[in-house]
Each structure stands twice: as structure tokens, then as C-alpha cells.
């Protein structure tokens, strides 16, 4: 089993936030931003689950670097499924966009 000190993970998280900020400043595309944001989000979840690091501690690191920017995934579209639809029809055609 691999054991990584919490301080090392916190340092990696801080580096990830800095990299995300630099990517935004340099005009990186959405794919690059998504990779860096995914890294940060994963480290945040590991620290919360296994490192007993609180959300406040994570925000204390993130705040000075990114402010209130959220790195969580955004939902592209909201769909509502018609429960009376013909299930033989492809799901992409059964979905109705919720406005």
C-alpha cells in the first residue's frame, strides 16, 4: 500500500491550483483546463476522505490562488425522460431538453 504524507498532497493541490490559474491566464483550451481541474478535484476528494482535511483547509489554500472559481464539472444540459416513451426508440431521441 502506498502512503503519501498529507502535506505532500496539500503541496500538490496548491501546485495544481497554480497550474490552473496559469492555464486560464495563458488561454488554454477547455480540455487542458478540464485535466488540471480534474487533478485538483481528485486530490481534494482524497484529502477529504483519507487525509481528514476539512473543506475550510482546502479553501484556505485555494482562495488566495483562485478565489471563488469552482473546479467541479458543469452539467452540459438538463434532460427529462418521458416515462411513457417507446423504449425501442434510441434514448437520445427520447430525451427532452428542460429549459
PDB file of N, CA and C in Angstrom:
ATOM      1  N   UNK A   1       0.840  -1.178   0.000  1.00  0.00           N
ATOM      2  CA  UNK A   1       0.000   0.000   0.000  1.00  0.00           C
ATOM      3  C   UNK A   1       0.886   1.242   0.000  1.00  0.00           C
ATOM      4  N   UNK A   2       0.531   2.184  -0.851  1.00  0.00           N
ATOM      5  CA  UNK A   2       1.279   3.431  -0.941  1.00  0.00           C
ATOM      6  C   UNK A   2       0.796   4.384   0.156  1.00  0.00           C
ATOM      7  N   UNK A   3       1.713   5.046   0.798  1.00  0.00           N
ATOM      8  CA  UNK A   3       1.353   6.031   1.809  1.00  0.00           C
ATOM      9  C   UNK A   3       2.021   7.358   1.454  1.00  0.00           C
ATOM     10  N   UNK A   4       1.183   8.350   1.242  1.00  0.00           N
ATOM     11  CA  UNK A   4       1.674   9.680   0.872  1.00  0.00           C
ATOM     12  C   UNK A   4       1.340  10.635   2.009  1.00  0.00           C
ATOM     13  N   UNK A   5       2.318  11.354   2.513  1.00  0.00           N
ATOM     14  CA  UNK A   5       2.043  12.315   3.578  1.00  0.00           C
ATOM     15  C   UNK A   5       1.027  13.368   3.134  1.00  0.00           C
ATOM     16  N   UNK A   6       0.147  13.745   4.043  1.00  0.00           N
ATOM     17  CA  UNK A   6      -0.895  14.726   3.745  1.00  0.00           C
ATOM     18  C   UNK A   6      -0.270  16.035   3.283  1.00  0.00           C
ATOM     19  N   UNK A   7       0.838  16.427   3.876  1.00  0.00           N
ATOM     20  CA  UNK A   7       1.499  17.676   3.488  1.00  0.00           C
ATOM     21  C   UNK A   7       1.907  17.634   2.018  1.00  0.00           C
ATOM     22  N   UNK A   8       2.398  16.494   1.549  1.00  0.00           N
ATOM     23  CA  UNK A   8       2.783  16.366   0.145  1.00  0.00           C
ATOM     24  C   UNK A   8       1.566  16.511  -0.772  1.00  0.00           C
ATOM     25  N   UNK A   9       0.442  15.923  -0.373  1.00  0.00           N
ATOM     26  CA  UNK A   9      -0.783  16.054  -1.161  1.00  0.00           C
ATOM     27  C   UNK A   9      -1.275  17.499  -1.172  1.00  0.00           C
ATOM     28  N   UNK A  10      -1.187  18.163  -0.033  1.00  0.00           N
ATOM     29  CA  UNK A  10      -1.581  19.577   0.037  1.00  0.00           C
ATOM     30  C   UNK A  10      -0.693  20.436  -0.860  1.00  0.00           C
ATOM     31  N   UNK A  11       0.597  20.129  -0.880  1.00  0.00           N
ATOM     32  CA  UNK A  11       1.525  20.855  -1.759  1.00  0.00           C
ATOM     33  C   UNK A  11       1.182  20.605  -3.232  1.00  0.00           C
ATOM     34  N   UNK A  12       0.852  19.364  -3.555  1.00  0.00           N
ATOM     35  CA  UNK A  12       0.462  19.034  -4.930  1.00  0.00           C
ATOM     36  C   UNK A  12      -0.819  19.751  -5.316  1.00  0.00           C
ATOM     37  N   UNK A  13      -1.747  19.838  -4.380  1.00  0.00           N
ATOM     38  CA  UNK A  13      -3.001  20.534  -4.632  1.00  0.00           C
ATOM     39  C   UNK A  13      -2.738  22.017  -4.907  1.00  0.00           C
ATOM     40  N   UNK A  14      -1.886  22.621  -4.095  1.00  0.00           N
ATOM     41  CA  UNK A  14      -1.533  24.029  -4.294  1.00  0.00           C
ATOM     42  C   UNK A  14      -0.893  24.225  -5.668  1.00  0.00           C
ATOM     43  N   UNK A  15       0.010  23.324  -6.048  1.00  0.00           N
ATOM     44  CA  UNK A  15       0.644  23.397  -7.365  1.00  0.00           C
ATOM     45  C   UNK A  15      -0.400  23.255  -8.478  1.00  0.00           C
ATOM     46  N   UNK A  16      -1.387  22.392  -8.259  1.00  0.00           N
ATOM     47  CA  UNK A  16      -2.458  22.221  -9.234  1.00  0.00           C
ATOM     48  C   UNK A  16      -3.273  23.492  -9.411  1.00  0.00           C
ATOM     49  N   UNK A  17      -3.585  24.157  -8.300  1.00  0.00           N
ATOM     50  CA  UNK A  17      -4.318  25.428  -8.372  1.00  0.00           C
ATOM     51  C   UNK A  17      -3.511  26.480  -9.135  1.00  0.00           C
ATOM     52  N   UNK A  18      -2.212  26.529  -8.874  1.00  0.00           N
ATOM     53  CA  UNK A  18      -1.340  27.485  -9.559  1.00  0.00           C
ATOM     54  C   UNK A  18      -1.295  27.168 -11.056  1.00  0.00           C
ATOM     55  N   UNK A  19      -1.196  25.880 -11.389  1.00  0.00           N
ATOM     56  CA  UNK A  19      -1.180  25.485 -12.799  1.00  0.00           C
ATOM     57  C   UNK A  19      -2.496  25.860 -13.482  1.00  0.00           C
ATOM     58  N   UNK A  20      -3.622  25.649 -12.794  1.00  0.00           N
ATOM     59  CA  UNK A  20      -4.928  26.006 -13.357  1.00  0.00           C
ATOM     60  C   UNK A  20      -4.984  27.507 -13.637  1.00  0.00           C
ATOM     61  N   UNK A  21      -4.522  28.299 -12.682  1.00  0.00           N
ATOM     62  CA  UNK A  21      -4.527  29.753 -12.848  1.00  0.00           C
ATOM     63  C   UNK A  21      -3.669  30.161 -14.047  1.00  0.00           C
ATOM     64  N   UNK A  22      -2.492  29.546 -14.202  1.00  0.00           N
ATOM     65  CA  UNK A  22      -1.619  29.859 -15.323  1.00  0.00           C
ATOM     66  C   UNK A  22      -2.272  29.452 -16.644  1.00  0.00           C
ATOM     67  N   UNK A  23      -2.956  28.308 -16.650  1.00  0.00           N
ATOM     68  CA  UNK A  23      -3.645  27.858 -17.868  1.00  0.00           C
ATOM     69  C   UNK A  23      -4.728  28.851 -18.277  1.00  0.00           C
ATOM     70  N   UNK A  24      -5.473  29.356 -17.297  1.00  0.00           N
ATOM     71  CA  UNK A  24      -6.512  30.350 -17.597  1.00  0.00           C
ATOM     72  C   UNK A  24      -5.868  31.613 -18.157  1.00  0.00           C
ATOM     73  N   UNK A  25      -4.805  32.066 -17.519  1.00  0.00           N
ATOM     74  CA  UNK A  25      -4.119  33.284 -17.961  1.00  0.00           C
ATOM     75  C   UNK A  25      -3.520  33.136 -19.357  1.00  0.00           C
ATOM     76  N   UNK A  26      -3.079  31.922 -19.688  1.00  0.00           N
ATOM     77  CA  UNK A  26      -2.455  31.681 -20.992  1.00  0.00           C
ATOM     78  C   UNK A  26      -3.467  31.338 -22.077  1.00  0.00           C
ATOM     79  N   UNK A  27      -4.740  31.276 -21.703  1.00  0.00           N
ATOM     80  CA  UNK A  27      -5.773  30.990 -22.695  1.00  0.00           C
ATOM     81  C   UNK A  27      -5.833  29.541 -23.134  1.00  0.00           C
ATOM     82  N   UNK A  28      -5.499  28.623 -22.252  1.00  0.00           N
ATOM     83  CA  UNK A  28      -5.563  27.201 -22.589  1.00  0.00           C
ATOM     84  C   UNK A  28      -6.986  26.800 -22.938  1.00  0.00           C
ATOM     85  N   UNK A  29      -7.112  25.769 -23.751  1.00  0.00           N
ATOM     86  CA  UNK A  29      -8.448  25.336 -24.161  1.00  0.00           C
ATOM     87  C   UNK A  29      -9.152  24.567 -23.041  1.00  0.00           C
ATOM     88  N   UNK A  30     -10.427  24.270 -23.262  1.00  0.00           N
ATOM     89  CA  UNK A  30     -11.252  23.625 -22.240  1.00  0.00           C
ATOM     90  C   UNK A  30     -10.732  22.253 -21.840  1.00  0.00           C
ATOM     91  N   UNK A  31     -10.118  21.548 -22.780  1.00  0.00           N
ATOM     92  CA  UNK A  31      -9.609  20.206 -22.492  1.00  0.00           C
ATOM     93  C   UNK A  31      -8.464  20.285 -21.487  1.00  0.00           C
ATOM     94  N   UNK A  32      -7.529  21.193 -21.707  1.00  0.00           N
ATOM     95  CA  UNK A  32      -6.411  21.354 -20.764  1.00  0.00           C
ATOM     96  C   UNK A  32      -6.917  21.783 -19.391  1.00  0.00           C
ATOM     97  N   UNK A  33      -7.844  22.729 -19.374  1.00  0.00           N
ATOM     98  CA  UNK A  33      -8.406  23.186 -18.100  1.00  0.00           C
ATOM     99  C   UNK A  33      -9.126  22.051 -17.386  1.00  0.00           C
ATOM    100  N   UNK A  34      -9.823  21.223 -18.143  1.00  0.00           N
ATOM    101  CA  UNK A  34     -10.548  20.099 -17.543  1.00  0.00           C
ATOM    102  C   UNK A  34      -9.589  19.091 -16.907  1.00  0.00           C
ATOM    103  N   UNK A  35      -8.445  18.862 -17.544  1.00  0.00           N
ATOM    104  CA  UNK A  35      -7.465  17.929 -16.979  1.00  0.00           C
ATOM    105  C   UNK A  35      -6.904  18.442 -15.655  1.00  0.00           C
ATOM    106  N   UNK A  36      -6.541  19.708 -15.636  1.00  0.00           N
ATOM    107  CA  UNK A  36      -5.978  20.285 -14.410  1.00  0.00           C
ATOM    108  C   UNK A  36      -7.048  20.349 -13.320  1.00  0.00           C
ATOM    109  N   UNK A  37      -8.262  20.755 -13.687  1.00  0.00           N
ATOM    110  CA  UNK A  37      -9.353  20.823 -12.710  1.00  0.00           C
ATOM    111  C   UNK A  37      -9.663  19.437 -12.170  1.00  0.00           C
ATOM    112  N   UNK A  38      -9.634  18.432 -13.030  1.00  0.00           N
ATOM    113  CA  UNK A  38      -9.882  17.054 -12.593  1.00  0.00           C
ATOM    114  C   UNK A  38      -8.827  16.575 -11.613  1.00  0.00           C
ATOM    115  N   UNK A  39      -7.582  16.933 -11.872  1.00  0.00           N
ATOM    116  CA  UNK A  39      -6.498  16.588 -10.952  1.00  0.00           C
ATOM    117  C   UNK A  39      -6.755  17.207  -9.575  1.00  0.00           C
ATOM    118  N   UNK A  40      -7.060  18.507  -9.580  1.00  0.00           N
ATOM    119  CA  UNK A  40      -7.290  19.218  -8.318  1.00  0.00           C
ATOM    120  C   UNK A  40      -8.483  18.632  -7.567  1.00  0.00           C
ATOM    121  N   UNK A  41      -9.548  18.374  -8.279  1.00  0.00           N
ATOM    122  CA  UNK A  41     -10.751  17.831  -7.651  1.00  0.00           C
ATOM    123  C   UNK A  41     -10.471  16.456  -7.046  1.00  0.00           C
ATOM    124  N   UNK A  42      -9.702  15.650  -7.761  1.00  0.00           N
ATOM    125  CA  UNK A  42      -9.358  14.316  -7.248  1.00  0.00           C
ATOM    126  C   UNK A  42      -8.521  14.420  -5.979  1.00  0.00           C
ATOM    127  N   UNK A  43      -7.533  15.280  -5.981  1.00  0.00           N
ATOM    128  CA  UNK A  43      -6.695  15.453  -4.785  1.00  0.00           C
ATOM    129  C   UNK A  43      -7.537  15.987  -3.627  1.00  0.00           C
ATOM    130  N   UNK A  44      -8.453  16.920  -3.914  1.00  0.00           N
ATOM    131  CA  UNK A  44      -9.346  17.432  -2.867  1.00  0.00           C
ATOM    132  C   UNK A  44     -10.158  16.288  -2.243  1.00  0.00           C
ATOM    133  N   UNK A  45     -10.696  15.421  -3.084  1.00  0.00           N
ATOM    134  CA  UNK A  45     -11.519  14.315  -2.589  1.00  0.00           C
ATOM    135  C   UNK A  45     -10.700  13.326  -1.778  1.00  0.00           C
ATOM    136  N   UNK A  46      -9.482  13.047  -2.224  1.00  0.00           N
ATOM    137  CA  UNK A  46      -8.605  12.138  -1.470  1.00  0.00           C
ATOM    138  C   UNK A  46      -8.277  12.741  -0.118  1.00  0.00           C
ATOM    139  N   UNK A  47      -7.946  14.035  -0.097  1.00  0.00           N
ATOM    140  CA  UNK A  47      -7.626  14.696   1.165  1.00  0.00           C
ATOM    141  C   UNK A  47      -8.821  14.723   2.108  1.00  0.00           C
ATOM    142  N   UNK A  48     -10.001  14.961   1.567  1.00  0.00           N
ATOM    143  CA  UNK A  48     -11.207  14.996   2.408  1.00  0.00           C
ATOM    144  C   UNK A  48     -11.541  13.621   2.956  1.00  0.00           C
ATOM    145  N   UNK A  49     -11.417  12.611   2.115  1.00  0.00           N
ATOM    146  CA  UNK A  49     -11.810  11.254   2.512  1.00  0.00           C
ATOM    147  C   UNK A  49     -10.786  10.559   3.385  1.00  0.00           C
ATOM    148  N   UNK A  50      -9.526  10.649   3.003  1.00  0.00           N
ATOM    149  CA  UNK A  50      -8.499   9.866   3.693  1.00  0.00           C
ATOM    150  C   UNK A  50      -7.531  10.690   4.530  1.00  0.00           C
ATOM    151  N   UNK A  51      -7.386  11.967   4.210  1.00  0.00           N
ATOM    152  CA  UNK A  51      -6.428  12.792   4.932  1.00  0.00           C
ATOM    153  C   UNK A  51      -7.037  13.588   6.060  1.00  0.00           C
ATOM    154  N   UNK A  52      -8.367  13.460   6.201  1.00  0.00           N
ATOM    155  CA  UNK A  52      -9.096  14.190   7.246  1.00  0.00           C
ATOM    156  C   UNK A  52      -8.851  15.698   7.157  1.00  0.00           C
ATOM    157  N   UNK A  53      -8.760  16.200   5.931  1.00  0.00           N
ATOM    158  CA  UNK A  53      -8.594  17.623   5.691  1.00  0.00           C
ATOM    159  C   UNK A  53      -9.985  18.207   5.470  1.00  0.00           C
ATOM    160  N   UNK A  54     -10.290  19.298   6.128  1.00  0.00           N
ATOM    161  CA  UNK A  54     -11.621  19.898   6.027  1.00  0.00           C
ATOM    162  C   UNK A  54     -11.734  20.764   4.770  1.00  0.00           C
ATOM    163  N   UNK A  55     -12.972  21.040   4.390  1.00  0.00           N
ATOM    164  CA  UNK A  55     -13.216  21.927   3.253  1.00  0.00           C
ATOM    165  C   UNK A  55     -12.638  23.314   3.522  1.00  0.00           C
ATOM    166  N   UNK A  56     -12.693  23.749   4.766  1.00  0.00           N
ATOM    167  CA  UNK A  56     -12.148  25.063   5.125  1.00  0.00           C
ATOM    168  C   UNK A  56     -10.635  25.111   4.904  1.00  0.00           C
ATOM    169  N   UNK A  57      -9.950  24.020   5.213  1.00  0.00           N
ATOM    170  CA  UNK A  57      -8.499  23.978   4.995  1.00  0.00           C
ATOM    171  C   UNK A  57      -8.173  24.023   3.498  1.00  0.00           C
ATOM    172  N   UNK A  58      -8.979  23.325   2.711  1.00  0.00           N
ATOM    173  CA  UNK A  58      -8.774  23.338   1.265  1.00  0.00           C
ATOM    174  C   UNK A  58      -9.061  24.728   0.713  1.00  0.00           C
ATOM    175  N   UNK A  59     -10.141  25.352   1.175  1.00  0.00           N
ATOM    176  CA  UNK A  59     -10.479  26.706   0.722  1.00  0.00           C
ATOM    177  C   UNK A  59      -9.406  27.712   1.119  1.00  0.00           C
ATOM    178  N   UNK A  60      -8.747  27.492   2.255  1.00  0.00           N
ATOM    179  CA  UNK A  60      -7.681  28.396   2.690  1.00  0.00           C
ATOM    180  C   UNK A  60      -6.499  28.363   1.720  1.00  0.00           C
ATOM    181  N   UNK A  61      -6.294  27.246   1.072  1.00  0.00           N
ATOM    182  CA  UNK A  61      -5.229  27.131   0.074  1.00  0.00           C
ATOM    183  C   UNK A  61      -5.716  27.675  -1.268  1.00  0.00           C
ATOM    184  N   UNK A  62      -6.928  27.299  -1.632  1.00  0.00           N
ATOM    185  CA  UNK A  62      -7.485  27.654  -2.938  1.00  0.00           C
ATOM    186  C   UNK A  62      -7.816  29.141  -3.053  1.00  0.00           C
ATOM    187  N   UNK A  63      -8.378  29.718  -2.001  1.00  0.00           N
ATOM    188  CA  UNK A  63      -8.856  31.099  -2.024  1.00  0.00           C
ATOM    189  C   UNK A  63      -7.848  32.117  -2.525  1.00  0.00           C
ATOM    190  N   UNK A  64      -6.642  32.160  -1.957  1.00  0.00           N
ATOM    191  CA  UNK A  64      -5.668  33.161  -2.404  1.00  0.00           C
ATOM    192  C   UNK A  64      -5.207  32.968  -3.855  1.00  0.00           C
ATOM    193  N   UNK A  65      -5.346  31.751  -4.372  1.00  0.00           N
ATOM    194  CA  UNK A  65      -4.866  31.469  -5.729  1.00  0.00           C
ATOM    195  C   UNK A  65      -5.974  31.643  -6.761  1.00  0.00           C
ATOM    196  N   UNK A  66      -7.140  31.031  -6.497  1.00  0.00           N
ATOM    197  CA  UNK A  66      -8.225  31.024  -7.481  1.00  0.00           C
ATOM    198  C   UNK A  66      -9.451  31.822  -7.067  1.00  0.00           C
ATOM    199  N   UNK A  67      -9.482  32.271  -5.844  1.00  0.00           N
ATOM    200  CA  UNK A  67     -10.663  32.993  -5.378  1.00  0.00           C
ATOM    201  C   UNK A  67     -11.856  32.061  -5.255  1.00  0.00           C
ATOM    202  N   UNK A  68     -12.957  32.443  -5.861  1.00  0.00           N
ATOM    203  CA  UNK A  68     -14.185  31.645  -5.746  1.00  0.00           C
ATOM    204  C   UNK A  68     -14.438  30.761  -6.961  1.00  0.00           C
ATOM    205  N   UNK A  69     -13.444  30.583  -7.807  1.00  0.00           N
ATOM    206  CA  UNK A  69     -13.596  29.742  -9.001  1.00  0.00           C
ATOM    207  C   UNK A  69     -13.868  28.307  -8.560  1.00  0.00           C
ATOM    208  N   UNK A  70     -14.887  27.698  -9.159  1.00  0.00           N
ATOM    209  CA  UNK A  70     -15.188  26.302  -8.853  1.00  0.00           C
ATOM    210  C   UNK A  70     -14.569  25.412  -9.917  1.00  0.00           C
ATOM    211  N   UNK A  71     -14.030  24.293  -9.503  1.00  0.00           N
ATOM    212  CA  UNK A  71     -13.388  23.369 -10.433  1.00  0.00           C
ATOM    213  C   UNK A  71     -14.252  22.136 -10.703  1.00  0.00           C
ATOM    214  N   UNK A  72     -15.436  22.114 -10.141  1.00  0.00           N
ATOM    215  CA  UNK A  72     -16.306  20.966 -10.359  1.00  0.00           C
ATOM    216  C   UNK A  72     -16.870  21.003 -11.762  1.00  0.00           C
ATOM    217  N   UNK A  73     -17.275  19.833 -12.242  1.00  0.00           N
ATOM    218  CA  UNK A  73     -17.814  19.719 -13.597  1.00  0.00           C
ATOM    219  C   UNK A  73     -19.158  20.413 -13.698  1.00  0.00           C
ATOM    220  N   UNK A  74     -19.376  21.017 -14.833  1.00  0.00           N
ATOM    221  CA  UNK A  74     -20.662  21.650 -15.098  1.00  0.00           C
ATOM    222  C   UNK A  74     -21.520  20.692 -15.897  1.00  0.00           C
ATOM    223  N   UNK A  75     -22.804  20.709 -15.627  1.00  0.00           N
ATOM    224  CA  UNK A  75     -23.714  19.899 -16.411  1.00  0.00           C
ATOM    225  C   UNK A  75     -23.938  20.599 -17.742  1.00  0.00           C
ATOM    226  N   UNK A  76     -23.834  19.853 -18.817  1.00  0.00           N
ATOM    227  CA  UNK A  76     -23.984  20.449 -20.136  1.00  0.00           C
ATOM    228  C   UNK A  76     -25.439  20.785 -20.431  1.00  0.00           C
ATOM    229  N   UNK A  77     -26.315  19.849 -20.191  1.00  0.00           N
ATOM    230  CA  UNK A  77     -27.725  20.062 -20.478  1.00  0.00           C
ATOM    231  C   UNK A  77     -28.546  19.303 -19.448  1.00  0.00           C
ATOM    232  N   UNK A  78     -29.706  19.803 -19.179  1.00  0.00           N
ATOM    233  CA  UNK A  78     -30.641  19.095 -18.320  1.00  0.00           C
ATOM    234  C   UNK A  78     -31.674  18.411 -19.201  1.00  0.00           C
ATOM    235  N   UNK A  79     -31.882  17.140 -18.952  1.00  0.00           N
ATOM    236  CA  UNK A  79     -32.855  16.396 -19.728  1.00  0.00           C
ATOM    237  C   UNK A  79     -33.898  15.795 -18.800  1.00  0.00           C
ATOM    238  N   UNK A  80     -35.087  15.626 -19.353  1.00  0.00           N
ATOM    239  CA  UNK A  80     -36.168  14.993 -18.624  1.00  0.00           C
ATOM    240  C   UNK A  80     -36.600  13.790 -19.448  1.00  0.00           C
ATOM    241  N   UNK A  81     -36.712  12.635 -18.829  1.00  0.00           N
ATOM    242  CA  UNK A  81     -37.079  11.420 -19.527  1.00  0.00           C
ATOM    243  C   UNK A  81     -38.583  11.233 -19.475  1.00  0.00           C
ATOM    244  N   UNK A  82     -39.181  10.993 -20.620  1.00  0.00           N
ATOM    245  CA  UNK A  82     -40.617  10.718 -20.711  1.00  0.00           C
ATOM    246  C   UNK A  82     -40.818   9.247 -20.380  1.00  0.00           C
ATOM    247  N   UNK A  83     -41.447   8.973 -19.248  1.00  0.00           N
ATOM    248  CA  UNK A  83     -41.617   7.594 -18.793  1.00  0.00           C
ATOM    249  C   UNK A  83     -42.587   6.801 -19.667  1.00  0.00           C
ATOM    250  N   UNK A  84     -43.356   7.466 -20.517  1.00  0.00           N
ATOM    251  CA  UNK A  84     -44.287   6.784 -21.402  1.00  0.00           C
ATOM    252  C   UNK A  84     -43.724   6.615 -22.810  1.00  0.00           C
ATOM    253  N   UNK A  85     -42.460   6.935 -22.975  1.00  0.00           N
ATOM    254  CA  UNK A  85     -41.840   6.877 -24.297  1.00  0.00           C
ATOM    255  C   UNK A  85     -41.642   5.429 -24.727  1.00  0.00           C
ATOM    256  N   UNK A  86     -41.537   5.251 -26.036  1.00  0.00           N
ATOM    257  CA  UNK A  86     -41.256   3.938 -26.615  1.00  0.00           C
ATOM    258  C   UNK A  86     -39.791   3.602 -26.335  1.00  0.00           C
ATOM    259  N   UNK A  87     -39.539   2.584 -25.529  1.00  0.00           N
ATOM    260  CA  UNK A  87     -38.172   2.244 -25.136  1.00  0.00           C
ATOM    261  C   UNK A  87     -37.382   1.587 -26.258  1.00  0.00           C
ATOM    262  N   UNK A  88     -38.041   1.267 -27.357  1.00  0.00           N
ATOM    263  CA  UNK A  88     -37.337   0.758 -28.527  1.00  0.00           C
ATOM    264  C   UNK A  88     -36.668   1.896 -29.302  1.00  0.00           C
ATOM    265  N   UNK A  89     -37.094   3.113 -29.038  1.00  0.00           N
ATOM    266  CA  UNK A  89     -36.528   4.295 -29.676  1.00  0.00           C
ATOM    267  C   UNK A  89     -35.216   4.645 -28.962  1.00  0.00           C
ATOM    268  N   UNK A  90     -34.172   5.048 -29.694  1.00  0.00           N
ATOM    269  CA  UNK A  90     -32.901   5.410 -29.056  1.00  0.00           C
ATOM    270  C   UNK A  90     -33.098   6.494 -27.989  1.00  0.00           C
ATOM    271  N   UNK A  91     -32.345   6.380 -26.905  1.00  0.00           N
ATOM    272  CA  UNK A  91     -32.512   7.304 -25.779  1.00  0.00           C
ATOM    273  C   UNK A  91     -32.261   8.756 -26.163  1.00  0.00           C
ATOM    274  N   UNK A  92     -31.354   8.985 -27.093  1.00  0.00           N
ATOM    275  CA  UNK A  92     -31.064  10.365 -27.496  1.00  0.00           C
ATOM    276  C   UNK A  92     -32.313  11.027 -28.091  1.00  0.00           C
ATOM    277  N   UNK A  93     -33.169  10.230 -28.701  1.00  0.00           N
ATOM    278  CA  UNK A  93     -34.393  10.764 -29.276  1.00  0.00           C
ATOM    279  C   UNK A  93     -35.507  10.866 -28.232  1.00  0.00           C
ATOM    280  N   UNK A  94     -35.419  10.084 -27.165  1.00  0.00           N
ATOM    281  CA  UNK A  94     -36.446  10.119 -26.113  1.00  0.00           C
ATOM    282  C   UNK A  94     -36.261  11.286 -25.164  1.00  0.00           C
ATOM    283  N   UNK A  95     -35.067  11.797 -25.069  1.00  0.00           N
ATOM    284  CA  UNK A  95     -34.807  12.882 -24.121  1.00  0.00           C
ATOM    285  C   UNK A  95     -35.421  14.187 -24.597  1.00  0.00           C
ATOM    286  N   UNK A  96     -35.920  14.930 -23.656  1.00  0.00           N
ATOM    287  CA  UNK A  96     -36.469  16.254 -23.961  1.00  0.00           C
ATOM    288  C   UNK A  96     -35.691  17.268 -23.142  1.00  0.00           C
ATOM    289  N   UNK A  97     -35.216  18.295 -23.805  1.00  0.00           N
ATOM    290  CA  UNK A  97     -34.435  19.314 -23.114  1.00  0.00           C
ATOM    291  C   UNK A  97     -35.330  20.124 -22.182  1.00  0.00           C
ATOM    292  N   UNK A  98     -34.876  20.289 -20.925  1.00  0.00           N
ATOM    293  CA  UNK A  98     -35.599  21.086 -19.932  1.00  0.00           C
ATOM    294  C   UNK A  98     -35.055  22.508 -20.017  1.00  0.00           C
ATOM    295  N   UNK A  99     -35.917  23.468 -20.161  1.00  0.00           N
ATOM    296  CA  UNK A  99     -35.466  24.865 -20.286  1.00  0.00           C
ATOM    297  C   UNK A  99     -35.679  25.612 -19.013  1.00  0.00           C
TER     298      UNK A  99
END
